[in-house]
Amino acid sequence: MIKLLDTCANFINYINEKVGKLTSWLSTILVLIFCYDVLMRYVFDTTNVAIFELEWHLFAILFLLAAGYTLKHDRHVRVDILYAKFSPKGKAYINLLGSFLFLIPFCFIIFKGAIPYIQLSWHIDEGSSDAGGLPHRYIIKSFMLLGFVFLFLQSISLIIKSLVIIFNKEVSLDKNKI
């Protein structure tokens, strides 16, 4: 059973690692678009609503898709005043409780609220309400659900890792894989 859980956790970690690495390229694209926007705005005194919307769409995709990757690498926001002083087992208990009490319920709240929101957006073929804005806003809204799926999956991996640490089981859950 532990070997199966180990395999599941490693597969989730693999997915989030690949998504995170792929998503990181969006930051480069986003910087280039920002530079173009600044150049057009301050040098040529012109602006484009579609470019402005593309900037925040790409930022939203970057933020949403990288959430699972960030959790995998333990780079999310945390108040480390006490946590940093805990033993690995103490940290595992905190991660386990935090995942069950906060992270997983929050993901389900987002799932429950996002699905009808996204369905309606697809149904009405929602686009930008601004003249010259981007069409197909439902695509960006769909990334909300996808990002939280990756975050939920990584929370499952974190739970498995925490249980392994708590029960001192020897499996291949090393720091590079989780």
C-alpha atoms as a PDB file:
ATOM      1  CA  MET A   1       0.000   0.000   0.000  1.00  0.00           C
ATOM      2  CA  ILE A   2       2.817   2.410   0.886  1.00  0.00           C
ATOM      3  CA  LYS A   3       4.501   1.632  -2.446  1.00  0.00           C
ATOM      4  CA  LEU A   4       1.284   2.487  -4.309  1.00  0.00           C
ATOM      5  CA  LEU A   5       0.950   5.770  -2.400  1.00  0.00           C
ATOM      6  CA  ASP A   6       4.601   6.499  -3.118  1.00  0.00           C
ATOM      7  CA  THR A   7       4.007   5.933  -6.827  1.00  0.00           C
ATOM      8  CA  CYS A   8       0.934   8.199  -6.780  1.00  0.00           C
ATOM      9  CA  ALA A   9       2.812  10.963  -4.958  1.00  0.00           C
ATOM     10  CA  ASN A  10       5.738  10.724  -7.349  1.00  0.00           C
ATOM     11  CA  PHE A  11       3.403  10.876 -10.356  1.00  0.00           C
ATOM     12  CA  ILE A  12       1.658  13.974  -8.957  1.00  0.00           C
ATOM     13  CA  ASN A  13       5.044  15.545  -8.291  1.00  0.00           C
ATOM     14  CA  TYR A  14       6.122  14.767 -11.843  1.00  0.00           C
ATOM     15  CA  ILE A  15       2.995  16.423 -13.265  1.00  0.00           C
ATOM     16  CA  ASN A  16       3.360  19.556 -11.153  1.00  0.00           C
ATOM     17  CA  GLU A  17       7.078  19.764 -11.914  1.00  0.00           C
ATOM     18  CA  LYS A  18       6.404  19.671 -15.659  1.00  0.00           C
ATOM     19  CA  VAL A  19       3.522  22.156 -15.397  1.00  0.00           C
ATOM     20  CA  GLY A  20       5.654  24.477 -13.262  1.00  0.00           C
ATOM     21  CA  LYS A  21       8.599  24.395 -15.660  1.00  0.00           C
ATOM     22  CA  LEU A  22       6.323  24.976 -18.647  1.00  0.00           C
ATOM     23  CA  THR A  23       4.460  27.758 -16.845  1.00  0.00           C
ATOM     24  CA  SER A  24       7.713  29.485 -15.920  1.00  0.00           C
ATOM     25  CA  TRP A  25       8.116  30.380 -19.582  1.00  0.00           C
ATOM     26  CA  LEU A  26       4.995  32.497 -19.273  1.00  0.00           C
ATOM     27  CA  SER A  27       6.936  34.897 -17.067  1.00  0.00           C
ATOM     28  CA  THR A  28       9.388  35.530 -19.905  1.00  0.00           C
ATOM     29  CA  ILE A  29       6.558  36.077 -22.359  1.00  0.00           C
ATOM     30  CA  LEU A  30       4.844  38.349 -19.834  1.00  0.00           C
ATOM     31  CA  VAL A  31       7.987  40.476 -19.410  1.00  0.00           C
ATOM     32  CA  LEU A  32       8.277  40.859 -23.182  1.00  0.00           C
ATOM     33  CA  ILE A  33       4.641  41.926 -23.440  1.00  0.00           C
ATOM     34  CA  PHE A  34       5.129  44.410 -20.573  1.00  0.00           C
ATOM     35  CA  CYS A  35       8.154  45.866 -22.370  1.00  0.00           C
ATOM     36  CA  TYR A  36       6.174  46.176 -25.582  1.00  0.00           C
ATOM     37  CA  ASP A  37       3.311  47.843 -23.713  1.00  0.00           C
ATOM     38  CA  VAL A  38       5.624  50.308 -21.953  1.00  0.00           C
ATOM     39  CA  LEU A  39       7.377  51.110 -25.222  1.00  0.00           C
ATOM     40  CA  MET A  40       4.094  51.724 -27.012  1.00  0.00           C
ATOM     41  CA  ARG A  41       2.652  53.757 -24.163  1.00  0.00           C
ATOM     42  CA  TYR A  42       5.586  56.008 -23.278  1.00  0.00           C
ATOM     43  CA  VAL A  43       7.472  56.252 -26.562  1.00  0.00           C
ATOM     44  CA  PHE A  44       4.672  56.162 -29.118  1.00  0.00           C
ATOM     45  CA  ASP A  45       1.910  57.506 -26.834  1.00  0.00           C
ATOM     46  CA  THR A  46      -0.535  54.749 -27.740  1.00  0.00           C
ATOM     47  CA  THR A  47      -2.102  51.874 -25.888  1.00  0.00           C
ATOM     48  CA  ASN A  48      -4.027  48.738 -26.720  1.00  0.00           C
ATOM     49  CA  VAL A  49      -6.770  47.278 -24.523  1.00  0.00           C
ATOM     50  CA  ALA A  50      -6.107  43.752 -25.824  1.00  0.00           C
ATOM     51  CA  ILE A  51      -2.436  43.963 -24.797  1.00  0.00           C
ATOM     52  CA  PHE A  52      -3.401  45.209 -21.340  1.00  0.00           C
ATOM     53  CA  GLU A  53      -5.891  42.344 -20.933  1.00  0.00           C
ATOM     54  CA  LEU A  54      -3.352  39.850 -22.250  1.00  0.00           C
ATOM     55  CA  GLU A  55      -0.959  40.972 -19.505  1.00  0.00           C
ATOM     56  CA  TRP A  56      -3.378  40.201 -16.697  1.00  0.00           C
ATOM     57  CA  HIS A  57      -4.599  37.007 -18.397  1.00  0.00           C
ATOM     58  CA  LEU A  58      -1.052  35.669 -18.596  1.00  0.00           C
ATOM     59  CA  PHE A  59      -0.354  36.731 -15.016  1.00  0.00           C
ATOM     60  CA  ALA A  60      -3.490  34.889 -13.851  1.00  0.00           C
ATOM     61  CA  ILE A  61      -2.495  31.742 -15.768  1.00  0.00           C
ATOM     62  CA  LEU A  62       1.026  31.940 -14.354  1.00  0.00           C
ATOM     63  CA  PHE A  63      -0.261  32.357 -10.803  1.00  0.00           C
ATOM     64  CA  LEU A  64      -2.901  29.618 -11.063  1.00  0.00           C
ATOM     65  CA  LEU A  65      -0.871  26.943 -12.818  1.00  0.00           C
ATOM     66  CA  ALA A  66       2.210  27.511 -10.664  1.00  0.00           C
ATOM     67  CA  ALA A  67       0.345  27.073  -7.364  1.00  0.00           C
ATOM     68  CA  GLY A  68       0.833  23.289  -7.261  1.00  0.00           C
ATOM     69  CA  TYR A  69       4.484  23.663  -8.274  1.00  0.00           C
ATOM     70  CA  THR A  70       4.982  26.259  -5.545  1.00  0.00           C
ATOM     71  CA  LEU A  71       3.461  23.949  -2.933  1.00  0.00           C
ATOM     72  CA  LYS A  72       5.602  21.070  -4.196  1.00  0.00           C
ATOM     73  CA  HIS A  73       8.749  23.106  -3.586  1.00  0.00           C
ATOM     74  CA  ASP A  74       7.459  24.519  -0.273  1.00  0.00           C
ATOM     75  CA  ARG A  75       7.764  28.092  -1.569  1.00  0.00           C
ATOM     76  CA  HIS A  76       4.264  29.243  -0.716  1.00  0.00           C
ATOM     77  CA  VAL A  77       3.555  31.972   1.802  1.00  0.00           C
ATOM     78  CA  ARG A  78       3.745  30.701   5.346  1.00  0.00           C
ATOM     79  CA  VAL A  79       4.341  32.236   8.734  1.00  0.00           C
ATOM     80  CA  ASP A  80       7.619  30.502   9.552  1.00  0.00           C
ATOM     81  CA  ILE A  81       8.119  31.868  13.049  1.00  0.00           C
ATOM     82  CA  LEU A  82       7.206  28.564  14.693  1.00  0.00           C
ATOM     83  CA  TYR A  83       7.163  26.171  11.734  1.00  0.00           C
ATOM     84  CA  ALA A  84      10.879  26.579  10.996  1.00  0.00           C
ATOM     85  CA  LYS A  85      11.747  25.417  14.518  1.00  0.00           C
ATOM     86  CA  PHE A  86       9.686  22.207  14.326  1.00  0.00           C
ATOM     87  CA  SER A  87      11.202  18.795  13.716  1.00  0.00           C
ATOM     88  CA  PRO A  88      10.436  17.084  10.382  1.00  0.00           C
ATOM     89  CA  LYS A  89       7.734  15.079  12.153  1.00  0.00           C
ATOM     90  CA  GLY A  90       6.226  18.257  13.659  1.00  0.00           C
ATOM     91  CA  LYS A  91       6.251  19.891  10.240  1.00  0.00           C
ATOM     92  CA  ALA A  92       4.569  16.808   8.797  1.00  0.00           C
ATOM     93  CA  TYR A  93       1.764  17.069  11.375  1.00  0.00           C
ATOM     94  CA  ILE A  94       1.283  20.768  10.545  1.00  0.00           C
ATOM     95  CA  ASN A  95       1.255  20.021   6.812  1.00  0.00           C
ATOM     96  CA  LEU A  96      -1.183  17.160   7.304  1.00  0.00           C
ATOM     97  CA  LEU A  97      -3.578  19.204   9.430  1.00  0.00           C
ATOM     98  CA  GLY A  98      -3.236  22.256   7.200  1.00  0.00           C
ATOM     99  CA  SER A  99      -4.004  20.202   4.118  1.00  0.00           C
ATOM    100  CA  PHE A 100      -7.076  18.542   5.630  1.00  0.00           C
ATOM    101  CA  LEU A 101      -8.436  21.579   7.467  1.00  0.00           C
ATOM    102  CA  PHE A 102      -7.651  24.371   5.007  1.00  0.00           C
ATOM    103  CA  LEU A 103      -6.169  23.439   1.640  1.00  0.00           C
ATOM    104  CA  ILE A 104      -8.481  20.637   0.523  1.00  0.00           C
ATOM    105  CA  PRO A 105     -11.687  22.348   1.740  1.00  0.00           C
ATOM    106  CA  PHE A 106     -10.594  25.576   0.026  1.00  0.00           C
ATOM    107  CA  CYS A 107      -9.974  23.678  -3.225  1.00  0.00           C
ATOM    108  CA  PHE A 108     -13.450  22.141  -3.021  1.00  0.00           C
ATOM    109  CA  ILE A 109     -15.020  25.545  -2.355  1.00  0.00           C
ATOM    110  CA  ILE A 110     -13.298  26.855  -5.465  1.00  0.00           C
ATOM    111  CA  PHE A 111     -14.390  23.791  -7.472  1.00  0.00           C
ATOM    112  CA  LYS A 112     -17.993  24.207  -6.356  1.00  0.00           C
ATOM    113  CA  GLY A 113     -18.066  27.912  -7.159  1.00  0.00           C
ATOM    114  CA  ALA A 114     -15.947  27.834 -10.297  1.00  0.00           C
ATOM    115  CA  ILE A 115     -17.684  25.097 -12.247  1.00  0.00           C
ATOM    116  CA  PRO A 116     -21.026  26.894 -12.762  1.00  0.00           C
ATOM    117  CA  TYR A 117     -19.160  30.189 -13.257  1.00  0.00           C
ATOM    118  CA  ILE A 118     -17.025  28.662 -16.009  1.00  0.00           C
ATOM    119  CA  GLN A 119     -19.951  26.781 -17.560  1.00  0.00           C
ATOM    120  CA  LEU A 120     -21.949  29.996 -17.855  1.00  0.00           C
ATOM    121  CA  SER A 121     -18.989  31.784 -19.378  1.00  0.00           C
ATOM    122  CA  TRP A 122     -18.618  29.046 -22.018  1.00  0.00           C
ATOM    123  CA  HIS A 123     -22.365  28.961 -22.620  1.00  0.00           C
ATOM    124  CA  ILE A 124     -22.643  32.694 -23.352  1.00  0.00           C
ATOM    125  CA  ASP A 125     -19.318  32.792 -25.256  1.00  0.00           C
ATOM    126  CA  GLU A 126     -18.126  35.478 -22.859  1.00  0.00           C
ATOM    127  CA  GLY A 127     -15.622  37.991 -24.111  1.00  0.00           C
ATOM    128  CA  SER A 128     -14.213  41.267 -22.888  1.00  0.00           C
ATOM    129  CA  SER A 129     -16.691  43.994 -22.056  1.00  0.00           C
ATOM    130  CA  ASP A 130     -14.134  46.587 -23.204  1.00  0.00           C
ATOM    131  CA  ALA A 131     -14.001  47.746 -26.809  1.00  0.00           C
ATOM    132  CA  GLY A 132     -10.894  46.226 -28.381  1.00  0.00           C
ATOM    133  CA  GLY A 133     -10.548  43.684 -25.577  1.00  0.00           C
ATOM    134  CA  LEU A 134      -9.854  40.002 -25.935  1.00  0.00           C
ATOM    135  CA  PRO A 135     -12.615  37.607 -26.968  1.00  0.00           C
ATOM    136  CA  HIS A 136     -13.175  34.201 -25.365  1.00  0.00           C
ATOM    137  CA  ARG A 137     -12.820  35.172 -21.720  1.00  0.00           C
ATOM    138  CA  TYR A 138     -14.112  31.704 -20.797  1.00  0.00           C
ATOM    139  CA  ILE A 139     -10.665  30.318 -21.645  1.00  0.00           C
ATOM    140  CA  ILE A 140      -8.978  32.346 -18.913  1.00  0.00           C
ATOM    141  CA  LYS A 141     -11.740  31.429 -16.483  1.00  0.00           C
ATOM    142  CA  SER A 142     -11.152  27.741 -17.210  1.00  0.00           C
ATOM    143  CA  PHE A 143      -7.576  28.078 -15.982  1.00  0.00           C
ATOM    144  CA  MET A 144      -9.010  28.832 -12.541  1.00  0.00           C
ATOM    145  CA  LEU A 145     -10.353  25.293 -12.295  1.00  0.00           C
ATOM    146  CA  LEU A 146      -7.248  23.749 -13.850  1.00  0.00           C
ATOM    147  CA  GLY A 147      -4.929  25.570 -11.444  1.00  0.00           C
ATOM    148  CA  PHE A 148      -6.868  24.370  -8.425  1.00  0.00           C
ATOM    149  CA  VAL A 149      -6.869  20.812  -9.759  1.00  0.00           C
ATOM    150  CA  PHE A 150      -3.055  20.920  -9.781  1.00  0.00           C
ATOM    151  CA  LEU A 151      -3.042  22.459  -6.308  1.00  0.00           C
ATOM    152  CA  PHE A 152      -5.465  19.795  -5.011  1.00  0.00           C
ATOM    153  CA  LEU A 153      -3.334  17.012  -6.506  1.00  0.00           C
ATOM    154  CA  GLN A 154      -0.220  18.449  -4.878  1.00  0.00           C
ATOM    155  CA  SER A 155      -2.047  18.573  -1.548  1.00  0.00           C
ATOM    156  CA  ILE A 156      -2.648  14.825  -1.907  1.00  0.00           C
ATOM    157  CA  SER A 157       1.075  14.335  -2.488  1.00  0.00           C
ATOM    158  CA  LEU A 158       1.841  16.507   0.550  1.00  0.00           C
ATOM    159  CA  ILE A 159      -0.524  14.391   2.662  1.00  0.00           C
ATOM    160  CA  ILE A 160       1.203  11.204   1.498  1.00  0.00           C
ATOM    161  CA  LYS A 161       4.633  12.686   2.241  1.00  0.00           C
ATOM    162  CA  SER A 162       3.464  13.833   5.664  1.00  0.00           C
ATOM    163  CA  LEU A 163       2.044  10.407   6.526  1.00  0.00           C
ATOM    164  CA  VAL A 164       5.262   8.740   5.417  1.00  0.00           C
ATOM    165  CA  ILE A 165       7.282  11.057   7.682  1.00  0.00           C
ATOM    166  CA  ILE A 166       4.894  10.628  10.613  1.00  0.00           C
ATOM    167  CA  PHE A 167       4.926   6.837  10.398  1.00  0.00           C
ATOM    168  CA  ASN A 168       8.618   6.660   9.413  1.00  0.00           C
ATOM    169  CA  LYS A 169       8.043   4.490   6.374  1.00  0.00           C
ATOM    170  CA  GLU A 170      10.998   3.974   4.076  1.00  0.00           C
ATOM    171  CA  VAL A 171      10.010   4.833   0.509  1.00  0.00           C
ATOM    172  CA  SER A 172      11.495   6.918  -2.299  1.00  0.00           C
ATOM    173  CA  LEU A 173       9.893  10.163  -1.182  1.00  0.00           C
ATOM    174  CA  ASP A 174      13.043  12.217  -1.287  1.00  0.00           C
ATOM    175  CA  LYS A 175      13.173  16.032  -1.311  1.00  0.00           C
ATOM    176  CA  ASN A 176      13.781  16.208  -5.069  1.00  0.00           C
ATOM    177  CA  LYS A 177      10.612  14.304  -5.877  1.00  0.00           C
ATOM    178  CA  ILE A 178       8.291  16.113  -3.464  1.00  0.00           C
END
